């Protein structure tokens, strides 16, 4: 009996091994749900702080919850290693986010998406974010459709994906 070899699985394992062996800084995307308990936000903030303190570049979006916590941690460690890509213009972001986002040195706005729904603009923004990273860390609920689709797309692009569920 011959065994079939799953080439995509081998490619993914090879990519994961290469990332583990890489000693230099990485470009890490950190995305997640807007609806996050405060205790989880503190953990995400500490994780992003540690990742940036370790010399990694952090890429995220500008929403409340997970992304806001990631921004807060990265800003404490080294604001120059943080890039925030917004799904739409800065003025389309929630008021509670705008003050924090105005402090970000590397802020990318997408005013061309202002006419789209937030879900459509977020999906487009997440595609841009994963195209720029080597690894994706995602915090989601099982029914977070946009985030689950982003994780699937990242896996298809042979990115290392670490997915944490809140539920």
Protein backbone atom coordinates (compact mmCIF):
# COMPACT_ATOMS: atom_id res chain seq x y z
CA UNK A 1 0.00 0.00 0.00
CA UNK A 2 1.32 3.40 -0.89
CA UNK A 3 0.84 6.43 1.31
CA UNK A 4 -0.25 9.72 -0.18
CA UNK A 5 1.73 12.79 0.83
CA UNK A 6 -0.16 15.97 1.56
CA UNK A 7 2.17 18.60 0.04
CA UNK A 8 0.33 21.67 1.44
CA UNK A 9 0.56 20.20 4.96
CA UNK A 10 4.29 19.57 4.51
CA UNK A 11 4.73 23.14 3.23
CA UNK A 12 2.91 24.49 6.29
CA UNK A 13 5.02 22.41 8.65
CA UNK A 14 8.19 23.55 6.89
CA UNK A 15 7.06 27.18 7.23
CA UNK A 16 6.33 26.71 10.94
CA UNK A 17 9.75 25.10 11.46
CA UNK A 18 11.43 27.99 9.64
CA UNK A 19 9.59 30.51 11.85
CA UNK A 20 10.56 28.66 15.03
CA UNK A 21 14.20 28.61 13.94
CA UNK A 22 14.21 32.28 12.92
CA UNK A 23 16.06 34.23 15.57
CA UNK A 24 15.50 37.70 14.16
CA UNK A 25 12.49 39.93 14.46
CA UNK A 26 9.26 39.04 12.69
CA UNK A 27 6.31 40.97 11.31
CA UNK A 28 3.41 39.78 13.45
CA UNK A 29 -0.22 40.71 12.84
CA UNK A 30 -2.43 40.74 15.91
CA UNK A 31 -6.17 40.93 15.25
CA UNK A 32 -9.30 40.13 17.17
CA UNK A 33 -12.80 40.82 18.30
CA UNK A 34 -14.03 44.21 19.46
CA UNK A 35 -16.01 42.58 22.29
CA UNK A 36 -13.34 41.47 24.75
CA UNK A 37 -13.52 41.25 28.55
CA UNK A 38 -11.17 43.67 30.30
CA UNK A 39 -9.06 40.86 31.79
CA UNK A 40 -8.43 39.51 28.30
CA UNK A 41 -7.54 42.99 27.08
CA UNK A 42 -4.83 43.18 29.74
CA UNK A 43 -3.39 39.83 28.60
CA UNK A 44 -3.40 40.96 24.96
CA UNK A 45 -1.72 44.23 25.95
CA UNK A 46 1.01 42.32 27.81
CA UNK A 47 1.49 39.97 24.86
CA UNK A 48 1.88 42.81 22.37
CA UNK A 49 4.22 44.62 24.76
CA UNK A 50 6.41 41.51 25.02
CA UNK A 51 6.37 40.89 21.26
CA UNK A 52 7.46 44.44 20.46
CA UNK A 53 9.97 44.53 23.32
CA UNK A 54 11.49 41.44 21.66
CA UNK A 55 12.07 43.51 18.50
CA UNK A 56 9.12 42.24 16.47
CA UNK A 57 7.09 44.57 14.27
CA UNK A 58 3.41 44.51 15.21
CA UNK A 59 0.66 45.16 12.69
CA UNK A 60 -2.96 45.57 13.76
CA UNK A 61 -6.12 47.47 12.97
CA UNK A 62 -7.77 50.28 14.88
CA UNK A 63 -10.89 48.85 16.47
CA UNK A 64 -11.74 48.78 20.14
CA UNK A 65 -11.16 45.62 22.18
CA UNK A 66 -8.35 43.36 20.96
CA UNK A 67 -6.75 45.81 18.55
CA UNK A 68 -6.85 48.70 21.03
CA UNK A 69 -5.15 46.51 23.65
CA UNK A 70 -2.50 45.48 21.12
CA UNK A 71 -1.85 49.13 20.25
CA UNK A 72 -1.57 50.08 23.92
CA UNK A 73 1.02 47.39 24.64
CA UNK A 74 3.06 48.09 21.51
CA UNK A 75 3.09 51.84 22.20
CA UNK A 76 4.55 51.20 25.66
CA UNK A 77 7.32 49.00 24.25
CA UNK A 78 8.36 50.87 21.08
CA UNK A 79 5.90 53.00 19.06
CA UNK A 80 8.19 52.82 16.03
CA UNK A 81 7.60 49.06 15.69
CA UNK A 82 3.81 49.43 15.47
CA UNK A 83 1.81 49.81 12.26
CA UNK A 84 -1.95 50.31 12.42
CA UNK A 85 -3.96 49.84 9.24
CA UNK A 86 -7.48 51.23 9.42
CA UNK A 87 -10.35 49.75 7.42
CA UNK A 88 -11.55 53.29 6.59
CA UNK A 89 -10.61 56.92 7.33
CA UNK A 90 -9.57 57.95 10.83
CA UNK A 91 -12.73 60.06 11.21
CA UNK A 92 -14.85 56.94 10.55
CA UNK A 93 -13.34 55.18 13.59
CA UNK A 94 -15.18 55.15 16.93
CA UNK A 95 -14.59 58.31 18.99
CA UNK A 96 -13.05 56.28 21.82
CA UNK A 97 -10.41 54.97 19.37
CA UNK A 98 -9.52 58.21 17.62
CA UNK A 99 -7.46 59.74 20.44
CA UNK A 100 -5.33 56.58 20.74
CA UNK A 101 -4.95 56.29 16.95
CA UNK A 102 -3.77 59.89 16.62
CA UNK A 103 -0.73 58.91 18.72
CA UNK A 104 0.32 56.12 16.31
CA UNK A 105 3.38 57.00 14.21
CA UNK A 106 2.71 54.50 11.41
CA UNK A 107 -1.01 54.89 10.72
CA UNK A 108 -2.47 53.82 7.37
CA UNK A 109 -5.93 55.10 6.52
CA UNK A 110 -8.13 53.67 3.77
CA UNK A 111 -10.53 56.47 2.77
CA UNK A 112 -11.33 54.59 -0.46
CA UNK A 113 -13.28 52.14 1.75
CA UNK A 114 -15.45 54.79 3.43
CA UNK A 115 -18.36 53.87 1.16
CA UNK A 116 -18.24 50.20 2.18
CA UNK A 117 -19.93 48.66 5.18
CA UNK A 118 -17.63 48.21 8.17
CA UNK A 119 -17.67 44.41 7.65
CA UNK A 120 -16.59 44.77 4.01
CA UNK A 121 -13.95 47.40 4.83
CA UNK A 122 -12.63 45.25 7.71
CA UNK A 123 -12.32 42.19 5.48
CA UNK A 124 -10.35 44.21 2.92
CA UNK A 125 -8.19 45.74 5.67
CA UNK A 126 -7.46 42.32 7.18
CA UNK A 127 -6.31 41.07 3.76
CA UNK A 128 -3.84 43.96 3.58
CA UNK A 129 -2.63 43.24 7.11
CA UNK A 130 -1.98 39.53 6.46
CA UNK A 131 -0.19 40.35 3.20
CA UNK A 132 2.33 42.36 5.28
CA UNK A 133 2.95 39.83 8.06
CA UNK A 134 4.78 36.56 8.55
CA UNK A 135 2.58 35.37 11.39
CA UNK A 136 -1.01 36.05 12.48
CA UNK A 137 -2.20 35.93 16.07
CA UNK A 138 -5.98 36.15 16.28
CA UNK A 139 -8.41 36.38 19.20
CA UNK A 140 -11.95 35.48 18.17
CA UNK A 141 -15.24 33.85 18.98
CA UNK A 142 -16.23 30.77 16.97
CA UNK A 143 -18.88 32.85 15.17
CA UNK A 144 -16.54 35.76 14.29
CA UNK A 145 -17.00 35.28 10.54
CA UNK A 146 -14.68 38.04 9.31
CA UNK A 147 -11.85 36.97 11.63
CA UNK A 148 -12.31 33.28 10.83
CA UNK A 149 -12.14 34.10 7.11
CA UNK A 150 -8.98 36.15 7.72
CA UNK A 151 -7.35 33.18 9.50
CA UNK A 152 -8.30 30.90 6.61
CA UNK A 153 -6.83 33.33 4.06
CA UNK A 154 -3.63 33.64 6.10
CA UNK A 155 -3.27 29.85 6.19
CA UNK A 156 -3.79 29.73 2.41
CA UNK A 157 -0.90 32.22 2.10
CA UNK A 158 1.23 29.86 4.21
CA UNK A 159 1.36 32.21 7.19
CA UNK A 160 1.72 30.75 10.66
CA UNK A 161 -1.66 31.30 12.35
CA UNK A 162 -2.27 31.15 16.08
CA UNK A 163 -5.95 31.37 16.90
CA UNK A 164 -7.27 31.90 20.44
CA UNK A 165 -10.99 31.50 21.13
CA UNK A 166 -12.87 33.53 23.73
CA UNK A 167 -15.73 31.02 23.88
